[in-house]
C-alpha atoms as a PDB file:
ATOM      1  CA  TYR A   1     -20.788  -5.338 -22.129  1.00  0.00           C
ATOM      2  CA  GLU A   2     -21.738  -1.984 -21.668  1.00  0.00           C
ATOM      3  CA  LEU A   3     -20.780  -2.789 -18.065  1.00  0.00           C
ATOM      4  CA  ALA A   4     -17.109  -4.114 -18.518  1.00  0.00           C
ATOM      5  CA  LYS A   5     -16.341  -0.588 -20.628  1.00  0.00           C
ATOM      6  CA  ALA A   6     -17.897   1.326 -17.721  1.00  0.00           C
ATOM      7  CA  VAL A   7     -15.144  -0.494 -15.541  1.00  0.00           C
ATOM      8  CA  ASP A   8     -12.668  -0.129 -17.732  1.00  0.00           C
ATOM      9  CA  PRO A   9     -11.211   2.782 -16.583  1.00  0.00           C
ATOM     10  CA  TYR A  10     -11.056   1.552 -13.121  1.00  0.00           C
ATOM     11  CA  VAL A  11      -9.285  -1.559 -14.305  1.00  0.00           C
ATOM     12  CA  VAL A  12      -6.769   0.062 -16.113  1.00  0.00           C
ATOM     13  CA  SER A  13      -5.805   2.731 -12.889  1.00  0.00           C
ATOM     14  CA  MET A  14      -5.548  -0.425 -10.608  1.00  0.00           C
ATOM     15  CA  ARG A  15      -3.434  -2.634 -13.093  1.00  0.00           C
ATOM     16  CA  ARG A  16      -0.964  -0.031 -13.366  1.00  0.00           C
ATOM     17  CA  TYR A  17      -0.734   0.594 -10.022  1.00  0.00           C
ATOM     18  CA  PHE A  18      -0.379  -3.017  -8.920  1.00  0.00           C
ATOM     19  CA  HIS A  19       1.936  -2.989 -11.751  1.00  0.00           C
ATOM     20  CA  GLU A  20       4.338  -0.091 -10.895  1.00  0.00           C
ATOM     21  CA  ASN A  21       4.348  -1.420  -7.148  1.00  0.00           C
ATOM     22  CA  PRO A  22       5.217  -5.335  -7.458  1.00  0.00           C
ATOM     23  CA  GLU A  23       6.359  -7.324  -4.497  1.00  0.00           C
ATOM     24  CA  LEU A  24       7.491 -10.581  -4.566  1.00  0.00           C
ATOM     25  CA  SER A  25       5.857 -13.864  -2.716  1.00  0.00           C
ATOM     26  CA  ASN A  26       5.360 -13.705   1.070  1.00  0.00           C
ATOM     27  CA  GLN A  27       6.106 -10.047   0.509  1.00  0.00           C
ATOM     28  CA  GLU A  28       2.750  -8.056  -0.713  1.00  0.00           C
ATOM     29  CA  ASP A  29       2.028  -6.587   2.889  1.00  0.00           C
ATOM     30  CA  LYS A  30       1.443  -3.340   0.705  1.00  0.00           C
ATOM     31  CA  THR A  31      -0.789  -5.073  -1.970  1.00  0.00           C
ATOM     32  CA  ILE A  32      -2.519  -6.678   0.589  1.00  0.00           C
ATOM     33  CA  GLU A  33      -3.227  -3.162   1.991  1.00  0.00           C
ATOM     34  CA  ARG A  34      -3.793  -1.624  -1.155  1.00  0.00           C
ATOM     35  CA  ILE A  35      -6.095  -4.431  -1.418  1.00  0.00           C
ATOM     36  CA  GLY A  36      -8.227  -3.559   2.088  1.00  0.00           C
ATOM     37  CA  GLN A  37      -8.262  -0.402   0.971  1.00  0.00           C
ATOM     38  CA  GLU A  38      -9.826  -0.497  -2.136  1.00  0.00           C
ATOM     39  CA  LEU A  39     -12.614  -2.999  -0.877  1.00  0.00           C
ATOM     40  CA  ALA A  40     -13.165  -0.648   2.112  1.00  0.00           C
ATOM     41  CA  GLY A  41     -14.229   2.098  -0.504  1.00  0.00           C
ATOM     42  CA  MET A  42     -16.800  -0.152  -1.310  1.00  0.00           C
ATOM     43  CA  GLY A  43     -18.091  -0.724   1.848  1.00  0.00           C
ATOM     44  CA  ILE A  44     -17.464  -4.376   1.122  1.00  0.00           C
ATOM     45  CA  GLU A  45     -15.762  -6.085   4.848  1.00  0.00           C
ATOM     46  CA  TYR A  46     -12.760  -8.002   4.380  1.00  0.00           C
ATOM     47  CA  GLU A  47     -10.314 -10.239   6.625  1.00  0.00           C
ATOM     48  CA  VAL A  48      -6.495 -10.820   6.010  1.00  0.00           C
ATOM     49  CA  VAL A  49      -5.676 -14.369   6.563  1.00  0.00           C
ATOM     50  CA  PRO A  50      -2.238 -14.842   8.487  1.00  0.00           C
ATOM     51  CA  HIS A  51       0.290 -15.674   5.418  1.00  0.00           C
ATOM     52  CA  GLY A  52      -2.901 -16.146   3.199  1.00  0.00           C
ATOM     53  CA  GLY A  53      -3.571 -12.757   1.419  1.00  0.00           C
ATOM     54  CA  ILE A  54      -7.066 -11.207   1.951  1.00  0.00           C
ATOM     55  CA  VAL A  55     -11.014 -12.850   1.811  1.00  0.00           C
ATOM     56  CA  ALA A  56     -13.806 -10.562   1.224  1.00  0.00           C
ATOM     57  CA  ILE A  57     -17.612 -12.230   1.563  1.00  0.00           C
ATOM     58  CA  LEU A  58     -20.590 -10.621  -0.288  1.00  0.00           C
ATOM     59  CA  GLU A  59     -23.676 -12.029   0.936  1.00  0.00           C
ATOM     60  CA  GLY A  60     -26.698 -12.580  -1.204  1.00  0.00           C
ATOM     61  CA  LYS A  61     -30.290 -11.304  -0.223  1.00  0.00           C
ATOM     62  CA  THR A  62     -31.983 -14.129  -2.156  1.00  0.00           C
ATOM     63  CA  PRO A  63     -33.592 -17.451  -0.834  1.00  0.00           C
ATOM     64  CA  GLY A  64     -31.272 -20.091  -0.684  1.00  0.00           C
ATOM     65  CA  LYS A  65     -28.073 -18.462  -0.715  1.00  0.00           C
ATOM     66  CA  GLY A  66     -26.285 -20.895   1.699  1.00  0.00           C
ATOM     67  CA  LYS A  67     -23.645 -21.719  -0.907  1.00  0.00           C
ATOM     68  CA  THR A  68     -20.979 -19.792  -2.016  1.00  0.00           C
ATOM     69  CA  VAL A  69     -18.805 -19.328  -5.243  1.00  0.00           C
ATOM     70  CA  LEU A  70     -15.417 -18.184  -4.820  1.00  0.00           C
ATOM     71  CA  LEU A  71     -13.289 -16.197  -7.205  1.00  0.00           C
ATOM     72  CA  ARG A  72      -9.733 -15.533  -7.107  1.00  0.00           C
ATOM     73  CA  ALA A  73      -6.832 -13.405  -8.171  1.00  0.00           C
ATOM     74  CA  ASP A  74      -2.956 -13.997  -7.052  1.00  0.00           C
ATOM     75  CA  CYS A  75      -0.838 -11.233  -5.774  1.00  0.00           C
ATOM     76  CA  ASP A  76       2.701 -11.731  -6.376  1.00  0.00           C
ATOM     77  CA  ALA A  77       5.409 -10.756  -8.901  1.00  0.00           C
ATOM     78  CA  LEU A  78       8.326 -12.240 -10.266  1.00  0.00           C
ATOM     79  CA  PRO A  79      11.943 -11.525  -9.541  1.00  0.00           C
ATOM     80  CA  VAL A  80      12.706  -9.979 -13.076  1.00  0.00           C
ATOM     81  CA  GLN A  81      13.892  -6.627 -14.227  1.00  0.00           C
ATOM     82  CA  GLU A  82      11.436  -4.817 -16.249  1.00  0.00           C
ATOM     83  CA  THR A  83      12.855  -2.864 -19.450  1.00  0.00           C
ATOM     84  CA  LYS A  84      11.677   0.808 -19.734  1.00  0.00           C
ATOM     85  CA  GLU A  85      11.186  -0.024 -23.612  1.00  0.00           C
ATOM     86  CA  ASN A  86       9.264  -2.356 -25.346  1.00  0.00           C
ATOM     87  CA  LEU A  87       9.113  -3.255 -29.504  1.00  0.00           C
ATOM     88  CA  ALA A  88       6.997  -0.267 -29.898  1.00  0.00           C
ATOM     89  CA  GLY A  89       8.617   2.423 -27.925  1.00  0.00           C
ATOM     90  CA  PRO A  90       8.893   3.347 -24.331  1.00  0.00           C
ATOM     91  CA  ARG A  91       6.059   1.577 -21.671  1.00  0.00           C
ATOM     92  CA  VAL A  92       3.116   3.883 -20.646  1.00  0.00           C
ATOM     93  CA  CYS A  93       3.480   1.813 -17.396  1.00  0.00           C
ATOM     94  CA  CYS A  94       6.703   0.407 -15.839  1.00  0.00           C
ATOM     95  CA  SER A  95       7.349  -1.160 -12.193  1.00  0.00           C
ATOM     96  CA  LYS A  96       9.294   1.189  -9.787  1.00  0.00           C
ATOM     97  CA  VAL A  97      10.710  -1.719  -7.993  1.00  0.00           C
ATOM     98  CA  ASP A  98      14.571  -2.513  -9.261  1.00  0.00           C
ATOM     99  CA  GLY A  99      14.449  -6.613 -10.389  1.00  0.00           C
ATOM    100  CA  VAL A 100      10.662  -7.084  -9.443  1.00  0.00           C
ATOM    101  CA  MET A 101       8.034  -7.007 -12.072  1.00  0.00           C
ATOM    102  CA  HIS A 102       4.496  -8.068 -12.607  1.00  0.00           C
ATOM    103  CA  ALA A 103       5.853 -10.480 -15.581  1.00  0.00           C
ATOM    104  CA  CYS A 104       2.691 -13.256 -15.400  1.00  0.00           C
ATOM    105  CA  GLY A 105      -0.291 -11.063 -15.097  1.00  0.00           C
ATOM    106  CA  HIS A 106      -1.078 -10.768 -11.568  1.00  0.00           C
ATOM    107  CA  ASP A 107      -1.906  -7.183 -12.031  1.00  0.00           C
ATOM    108  CA  GLY A 108      -4.591  -7.892 -14.076  1.00  0.00           C
ATOM    109  CA  HIS A 109      -5.819 -10.303 -11.777  1.00  0.00           C
ATOM    110  CA  MET A 110      -6.213  -8.331  -8.999  1.00  0.00           C
ATOM    111  CA  ALA A 111      -7.793  -5.622 -10.875  1.00  0.00           C
ATOM    112  CA  MET A 112     -10.290  -7.322 -12.461  1.00  0.00           C
ATOM    113  CA  VAL A 113     -11.276  -8.805  -9.014  1.00  0.00           C
ATOM    114  CA  LEU A 114     -11.231  -5.783  -7.717  1.00  0.00           C
ATOM    115  CA  ALA A 115     -13.641  -4.329 -10.589  1.00  0.00           C
ATOM    116  CA  LEU A 116     -16.081  -7.200  -9.965  1.00  0.00           C
ATOM    117  CA  ALA A 117     -16.017  -6.782  -6.215  1.00  0.00           C
ATOM    118  CA  GLY A 118     -17.736  -3.207  -6.668  1.00  0.00           C
ATOM    119  CA  ARG A 119     -20.014  -4.467  -9.716  1.00  0.00           C
ATOM    120  CA  VAL A 120     -20.950  -7.552  -7.281  1.00  0.00           C
ATOM    121  CA  SER A 121     -21.793  -5.405  -4.433  1.00  0.00           C
ATOM    122  CA  GLU A 122     -24.303  -3.031  -6.089  1.00  0.00           C
ATOM    123  CA  VAL A 123     -26.632  -6.169  -7.079  1.00  0.00           C
ATOM    124  CA  LEU A 124     -26.316  -8.244  -3.755  1.00  0.00           C
ATOM    125  CA  ASP A 125     -30.195  -8.412  -3.776  1.00  0.00           C
ATOM    126  CA  LYS A 126     -30.349 -10.447  -6.598  1.00  0.00           C
ATOM    127  CA  LEU A 127     -27.576 -12.589  -5.975  1.00  0.00           C
ATOM    128  CA  PRO A 128     -28.729 -16.096  -5.942  1.00  0.00           C
ATOM    129  CA  ARG A 129     -25.576 -17.216  -3.912  1.00  0.00           C
ATOM    130  CA  ASN A 130     -22.520 -15.808  -1.787  1.00  0.00           C
ATOM    131  CA  VAL A 131     -19.415 -14.700  -3.861  1.00  0.00           C
ATOM    132  CA  LEU A 132     -16.214 -14.651  -1.401  1.00  0.00           C
ATOM    133  CA  LEU A 133     -13.393 -13.587  -2.947  1.00  0.00           C
ATOM    134  CA  VAL A 134      -9.869 -14.072  -2.610  1.00  0.00           C
ATOM    135  CA  PHE A 135      -6.418 -12.171  -3.219  1.00  0.00           C
ATOM    136  CA  GLN A 136      -3.875 -15.264  -3.121  1.00  0.00           C
ATOM    137  CA  PRO A 137      -0.092 -14.821  -1.987  1.00  0.00           C
ATOM    138  CA  ALA A 138       2.793 -16.342  -3.530  1.00  0.00           C
ATOM    139  CA  GLU A 139       1.184 -18.238  -6.437  1.00  0.00           C
ATOM    140  CA  GLU A 140       4.958 -18.222  -8.177  1.00  0.00           C
ATOM    141  CA  THR A 141       7.227 -19.964  -5.485  1.00  0.00           C
ATOM    142  CA  THR A 142       6.153 -21.335  -1.853  1.00  0.00           C
ATOM    143  CA  GLY A 143       2.288 -22.368  -2.149  1.00  0.00           C
ATOM    144  CA  GLY A 144       0.239 -19.658  -1.429  1.00  0.00           C
ATOM    145  CA  ALA A 145      -2.990 -21.616  -2.547  1.00  0.00           C
ATOM    146  CA  LYS A 146      -2.134 -24.510  -0.045  1.00  0.00           C
ATOM    147  CA  LEU A 147      -1.984 -21.617   3.106  1.00  0.00           C
ATOM    148  CA  VAL A 148      -5.583 -20.310   1.875  1.00  0.00           C
ATOM    149  CA  CYS A 149      -6.987 -23.950   1.472  1.00  0.00           C
ATOM    150  CA  GLU A 150      -5.341 -24.640   5.478  1.00  0.00           C
ATOM    151  CA  SER A 151      -6.448 -21.100   6.649  1.00  0.00           C
ATOM    152  CA  GLY A 152     -10.331 -22.741   6.383  1.00  0.00           C
ATOM    153  CA  VAL A 153     -11.724 -20.112   4.823  1.00  0.00           C
ATOM    154  CA  PHE A 154     -13.537 -22.401   2.072  1.00  0.00           C
ATOM    155  CA  GLU A 155     -15.243 -24.329   4.906  1.00  0.00           C
ATOM    156  CA  LYS A 156     -16.193 -20.893   6.686  1.00  0.00           C
ATOM    157  CA  TYR A 157     -17.804 -19.835   3.822  1.00  0.00           C
ATOM    158  CA  ARG A 158     -19.324 -23.175   2.192  1.00  0.00           C
ATOM    159  CA  CYS A 159     -17.544 -22.639  -1.130  1.00  0.00           C
ATOM    160  CA  ASP A 160     -18.835 -25.282  -3.738  1.00  0.00           C
ATOM    161  CA  ARG A 161     -17.378 -23.780  -7.115  1.00  0.00           C
ATOM    162  CA  ILE A 162     -14.182 -21.713  -7.239  1.00  0.00           C
ATOM    163  CA  PHE A 163     -13.457 -20.048 -10.480  1.00  0.00           C
ATOM    164  CA  GLY A 164      -9.419 -18.705 -11.217  1.00  0.00           C
ATOM    165  CA  TRP A 165      -8.387 -17.546 -14.416  1.00  0.00           C
ATOM    166  CA  HIS A 166      -4.941 -16.440 -16.075  1.00  0.00           C
ATOM    167  CA  LEU A 167      -4.838 -13.760 -18.611  1.00  0.00           C
ATOM    168  CA  TRP A 168      -3.277 -15.071 -21.785  1.00  0.00           C
ATOM    169  CA  PRO A 169      -1.726 -12.973 -24.533  1.00  0.00           C
ATOM    170  CA  ASP A 170      -1.811 -15.750 -27.320  1.00  0.00           C
ATOM    171  CA  LEU A 171      -5.728 -15.088 -27.417  1.00  0.00           C
ATOM    172  CA  PRO A 172      -7.630 -11.801 -29.114  1.00  0.00           C
ATOM    173  CA  ALA A 173      -8.989  -9.182 -26.870  1.00  0.00           C
ATOM    174  CA  GLY A 174     -12.183  -9.565 -25.733  1.00  0.00           C
ATOM    175  CA  THR A 175     -12.142 -13.713 -25.763  1.00  0.00           C
ATOM    176  CA  ILE A 176     -12.342 -15.818 -23.211  1.00  0.00           C
ATOM    177  CA  ALA A 177     -11.204 -19.806 -23.429  1.00  0.00           C
ATOM    178  CA  SER A 178     -11.588 -22.857 -21.399  1.00  0.00           C
ATOM    179  CA  ARG A 179     -12.007 -26.509 -22.394  1.00  0.00           C
ATOM    180  CA  PRO A 180     -13.208 -29.474 -20.388  1.00  0.00           C
ATOM    181  CA  GLY A 181     -10.605 -31.284 -17.760  1.00  0.00           C
ATOM    182  CA  PRO A 182      -7.392 -30.044 -16.868  1.00  0.00           C
ATOM    183  CA  LEU A 183      -6.177 -26.421 -18.559  1.00  0.00           C
ATOM    184  CA  LEU A 184      -3.107 -25.749 -16.844  1.00  0.00           C
ATOM    185  CA  ALA A 185      -0.319 -28.506 -15.958  1.00  0.00           C
ATOM    186  CA  ARG A 186       1.591 -29.578 -12.305  1.00  0.00           C
ATOM    187  CA  SER A 187       4.082 -28.223 -12.578  1.00  0.00           C
ATOM    188  CA  SER A 188       7.395 -29.555 -10.548  1.00  0.00           C
ATOM    189  CA  GLU A 189      11.040 -28.682 -10.413  1.00  0.00           C
ATOM    190  CA  VAL A 190      13.786 -31.074 -11.293  1.00  0.00           C
ATOM    191  CA  THR A 191      16.832 -30.347  -9.390  1.00  0.00           C
ATOM    192  CA  VAL A 192      19.802 -32.646 -11.176  1.00  0.00           C
ATOM    193  CA  THR A 193      23.229 -32.658  -9.209  1.00  0.00           C
ATOM    194  CA  VAL A 194      25.851 -34.432 -10.821  1.00  0.00           C
ATOM    195  CA  THR A 195      29.183 -35.188  -8.667  1.00  0.00           C
ATOM    196  CA  GLY A 196      32.869 -35.719 -10.744  1.00  0.00           C
ATOM    197  CA  LYS A 197      36.093 -35.471  -9.904  1.00  0.00           C
ATOM    198  CA  SER A 198      38.564 -32.471 -11.250  1.00  0.00           C
ATOM    199  CA  SER A 199      41.867 -33.026 -13.419  1.00  0.00           C
ATOM    200  CA  HIS A 200      43.571 -30.816 -15.613  1.00  0.00           C
ATOM    201  CA  VAL A 201      42.172 -31.293 -19.106  1.00  0.00           C
ATOM    202  CA  ALA A 202      45.434 -32.745 -20.124  1.00  0.00           C
ATOM    203  CA  LYS A 203      44.917 -35.779 -18.056  1.00  0.00           C
ATOM    204  CA  PRO A 204      41.356 -36.362 -18.562  1.00  0.00           C
ATOM    205  CA  HIS A 205      41.597 -39.936 -17.468  1.00  0.00           C
ATOM    206  CA  GLU A 206      42.374 -38.901 -14.271  1.00  0.00           C
ATOM    207  CA  GLY A 207      38.936 -36.983 -13.444  1.00  0.00           C
ATOM    208  CA  ARG A 208      35.273 -37.731 -13.749  1.00  0.00           C
ATOM    209  CA  ASP A 209      33.904 -35.019 -16.159  1.00  0.00           C
ATOM    210  CA  ALA A 210      30.433 -33.588 -14.504  1.00  0.00           C
ATOM    211  CA  LEU A 211      29.947 -30.982 -17.119  1.00  0.00           C
ATOM    212  CA  PHE A 212      29.802 -34.154 -20.076  1.00  0.00           C
ATOM    213  CA  ALA A 213      28.030 -36.326 -17.773  1.00  0.00           C
ATOM    214  CA  ALA A 214      25.946 -33.417 -17.431  1.00  0.00           C
ATOM    215  CA  SER A 215      25.617 -32.228 -21.399  1.00  0.00           C
ATOM    216  CA  ALA A 216      24.835 -35.991 -21.932  1.00  0.00           C
ATOM    217  CA  PHE A 217      21.646 -36.080 -19.491  1.00  0.00           C
ATOM    218  CA  LEU A 218      20.244 -32.908 -20.647  1.00  0.00           C
ATOM    219  CA  TYR A 219      20.336 -34.231 -24.633  1.00  0.00           C
ATOM    220  CA  GLU A 220      18.964 -37.304 -23.569  1.00  0.00           C
ATOM    221  CA  SER A 221      16.162 -36.554 -21.500  1.00  0.00           C
ATOM    222  CA  TYR A 222      14.742 -34.088 -23.995  1.00  0.00           C
ATOM    223  CA  ARG A 223      14.772 -37.332 -26.850  1.00  0.00           C
ATOM    224  CA  LEU A 224      13.358 -39.838 -23.995  1.00  0.00           C
ATOM    225  CA  ILE A 225      10.882 -37.038 -22.786  1.00  0.00           C
ATOM    226  CA  GLU A 226       9.386 -37.635 -26.408  1.00  0.00           C
ATOM    227  CA  LEU A 227       9.439 -40.989 -26.223  1.00  0.00           C
ATOM    228  CA  LEU A 228       6.969 -41.447 -23.072  1.00  0.00           C
ATOM    229  CA  GLY A 229       3.332 -42.103 -23.006  1.00  0.00           C
ATOM    230  CA  ARG A 230       0.873 -41.511 -25.845  1.00  0.00           C
ATOM    231  CA  PRO A 231       2.282 -38.794 -28.553  1.00  0.00           C
ATOM    232  CA  GLU A 232      -1.010 -36.748 -28.110  1.00  0.00           C
ATOM    233  CA  GLU A 233      -0.746 -36.250 -24.519  1.00  0.00           C
ATOM    234  CA  PRO A 234       1.306 -33.520 -23.822  1.00  0.00           C
ATOM    235  CA  ARG A 235       4.175 -33.334 -21.133  1.00  0.00           C
ATOM    236  CA  LEU A 236       7.175 -30.585 -21.119  1.00  0.00           C
ATOM    237  CA  LEU A 237      10.667 -31.155 -20.089  1.00  0.00           C
ATOM    238  CA  LYS A 238      13.340 -28.114 -20.324  1.00  0.00           C
ATOM    239  CA  PHE A 239      16.202 -27.294 -18.167  1.00  0.00           C
ATOM    240  CA  GLY A 240      16.430 -23.424 -17.944  1.00  0.00           C
ATOM    241  CA  LYS A 241      19.926 -23.661 -16.183  1.00  0.00           C
ATOM    242  CA  LEU A 242      23.362 -24.981 -16.467  1.00  0.00           C
ATOM    243  CA  THR A 243      26.274 -24.383 -13.797  1.00  0.00           C
ATOM    244  CA  SER A 244      29.580 -26.282 -14.201  1.00  0.00           C
ATOM    245  CA  GLY A 245      33.348 -26.243 -13.767  1.00  0.00           C
ATOM    246  CA  GLN A 246      35.765 -23.740 -12.469  1.00  0.00           C
ATOM    247  CA  ALA A 247      38.463 -23.414 -16.009  1.00  0.00           C
ATOM    248  CA  ARG A 248      38.660 -23.522 -19.215  1.00  0.00           C
ATOM    249  CA  ASN A 249      41.746 -25.600 -18.750  1.00  0.00           C
ATOM    250  CA  ALA A 250      39.833 -28.803 -15.865  1.00  0.00           C
ATOM    251  CA  ILE A 251      37.792 -31.546 -16.158  1.00  0.00           C
ATOM    252  CA  SER A 252      34.600 -30.001 -14.156  1.00  0.00           C
ATOM    253  CA  ASP A 253      34.188 -32.088 -10.665  1.00  0.00           C
ATOM    254  CA  SER A 254      30.241 -31.058  -9.963  1.00  0.00           C
ATOM    255  CA  SER A 255      27.318 -29.935 -12.364  1.00  0.00           C
ATOM    256  CA  LEU A 256      24.311 -28.603 -10.979  1.00  0.00           C
ATOM    257  CA  LEU A 257      20.904 -28.774 -14.050  1.00  0.00           C
ATOM    258  CA  LEU A 258      17.704 -26.897 -12.785  1.00  0.00           C
ATOM    259  CA  GLY A 259      14.775 -27.331 -15.063  1.00  0.00           C
ATOM    260  CA  THR A 260      10.786 -28.105 -14.651  1.00  0.00           C
ATOM    261  CA  LEU A 261       8.565 -30.980 -15.598  1.00  0.00           C
ATOM    262  CA  ARG A 262       4.645 -30.340 -16.834  1.00  0.00           C
ATOM    263  CA  VAL A 263       2.453 -33.272 -16.706  1.00  0.00           C
ATOM    264  CA  TYR A 264      -1.013 -33.436 -17.017  1.00  0.00           C
ATOM    265  CA  SER A 265      -1.632 -36.774 -14.998  1.00  0.00           C
ATOM    266  CA  ASP A 266      -0.057 -38.722 -12.087  1.00  0.00           C
ATOM    267  CA  GLU A 267       0.921 -41.506 -14.657  1.00  0.00           C
ATOM    268  CA  MET A 268       3.326 -39.450 -17.230  1.00  0.00           C
ATOM    269  CA  PHE A 269       4.583 -38.061 -13.977  1.00  0.00           C
ATOM    270  CA  ASN A 270       5.771 -41.562 -12.831  1.00  0.00           C
ATOM    271  CA  ALA A 271       6.707 -42.379 -15.948  1.00  0.00           C
ATOM    272  CA  ALA A 272       9.446 -39.013 -16.313  1.00  0.00           C
ATOM    273  CA  GLU A 273      10.640 -39.436 -13.132  1.00  0.00           C
ATOM    274  CA  ALA A 274      11.679 -43.239 -13.539  1.00  0.00           C
ATOM    275  CA  MET A 275      13.203 -42.091 -16.573  1.00  0.00           C
ATOM    276  CA  LEU A 276      14.951 -39.801 -15.439  1.00  0.00           C
ATOM    277  CA  ARG A 277      16.487 -41.857 -12.744  1.00  0.00           C
ATOM    278  CA  ASP A 278      17.061 -44.685 -15.367  1.00  0.00           C
ATOM    279  CA  LEU A 279      18.755 -42.672 -17.677  1.00  0.00           C
ATOM    280  CA  ALA A 280      21.164 -41.398 -14.374  1.00  0.00           C
ATOM    281  CA  ASN A 281      21.663 -44.561 -13.038  1.00  0.00           C
ATOM    282  CA  THR A 282      22.882 -45.294 -17.286  1.00  0.00           C
ATOM    283  CA  LEU A 283      25.304 -42.584 -17.566  1.00  0.00           C
ATOM    284  CA  GLU A 284      26.580 -43.168 -13.364  1.00  0.00           C
ATOM    285  CA  ARG A 285      27.954 -46.523 -15.125  1.00  0.00           C
ATOM    286  CA  GLU A 286      29.154 -44.485 -18.559  1.00  0.00           C
ATOM    287  CA  THR A 287      30.690 -41.516 -17.421  1.00  0.00           C
ATOM    288  CA  GLY A 288      32.054 -42.591 -13.402  1.00  0.00           C
ATOM    289  CA  CYS A 289      29.984 -39.855 -11.864  1.00  0.00           C
ATOM    290  CA  SER A 290      27.124 -39.663  -9.454  1.00  0.00           C
ATOM    291  CA  PHE A 291      23.841 -38.346  -9.885  1.00  0.00           C
ATOM    292  CA  THR A 292      21.119 -37.019  -7.843  1.00  0.00           C
ATOM    293  CA  ILE A 293      17.724 -35.834  -8.940  1.00  0.00           C
ATOM    294  CA  ALA A 294      15.041 -34.096  -6.535  1.00  0.00           C
ATOM    295  CA  PHE A 295      11.638 -33.201  -7.623  1.00  0.00           C
ATOM    296  CA  SER A 296       9.370 -30.379  -6.027  1.00  0.00           C
ATOM    297  CA  ALA A 297       5.798 -32.153  -5.430  1.00  0.00           C
ATOM    298  CA  GLY A 298       4.081 -29.256  -7.204  1.00  0.00           C
ATOM    299  CA  TYR A 299       0.738 -28.793  -7.117  1.00  0.00           C
ATOM    300  CA  PRO A 300      -1.926 -31.271  -9.190  1.00  0.00           C
ATOM    301  CA  PRO A 301      -2.860 -30.231 -12.540  1.00  0.00           C
END
């Protein structure tokens, strides 16, 4: 606890630097450059992994140091515009980049791992194993974890266990929470395209209403997801965007639904996918519109 208090000013300063200078997925060049500068200032050697972030190895000095524990932080921000004020008043620290914000805590992740790097570098002679620090790009979008895995760093440094973490605003400050088994869900993007036929609203029988079909799909999918599997097994299906239509007096000829499916098992994912495809087939018969559903693979839980 005393050590944590001692490094607190450094954690705060680094977190604020990253928060003020956010970069989107696969664009984290200045972020990685600053991380390298901080590591070099601590006397820690590092390497920039092509398209895979930055890694640093801290080798323990005690016998039996062949194995390595990996500590991971993610680096990218989100395409979110940060407001200058929160409910309490003006923000102490705010993004300086329009339309980009560390809205998911990665600024804090990087600051914590850097602070830990400094502390670990001071006690290498007491470490029973090696420590590998990984600053991973593109967690939010394009699969930066896969790039790091494919770089070969896990095999190169003989990593046998990995720790990553999230900041969790719902927890009281100073607490750590975990549990056995999966903690975070498999998240799969769901894209539903509905194709109908436009007509004037005065002649709806000449059209195929893609807006109505998409709305029916939205309502029924929310109802049916609650009926899948065991009630206690977590699952979530939500759509955040529905685009449809051209004018108030014309039947829509196309709709686009964008959402996410989050589950904790392959069985639940397969059941949800089958349910959504069956629902689409039913609505095709009932509305005359055609449905296309696409799922991104998503990481395992």
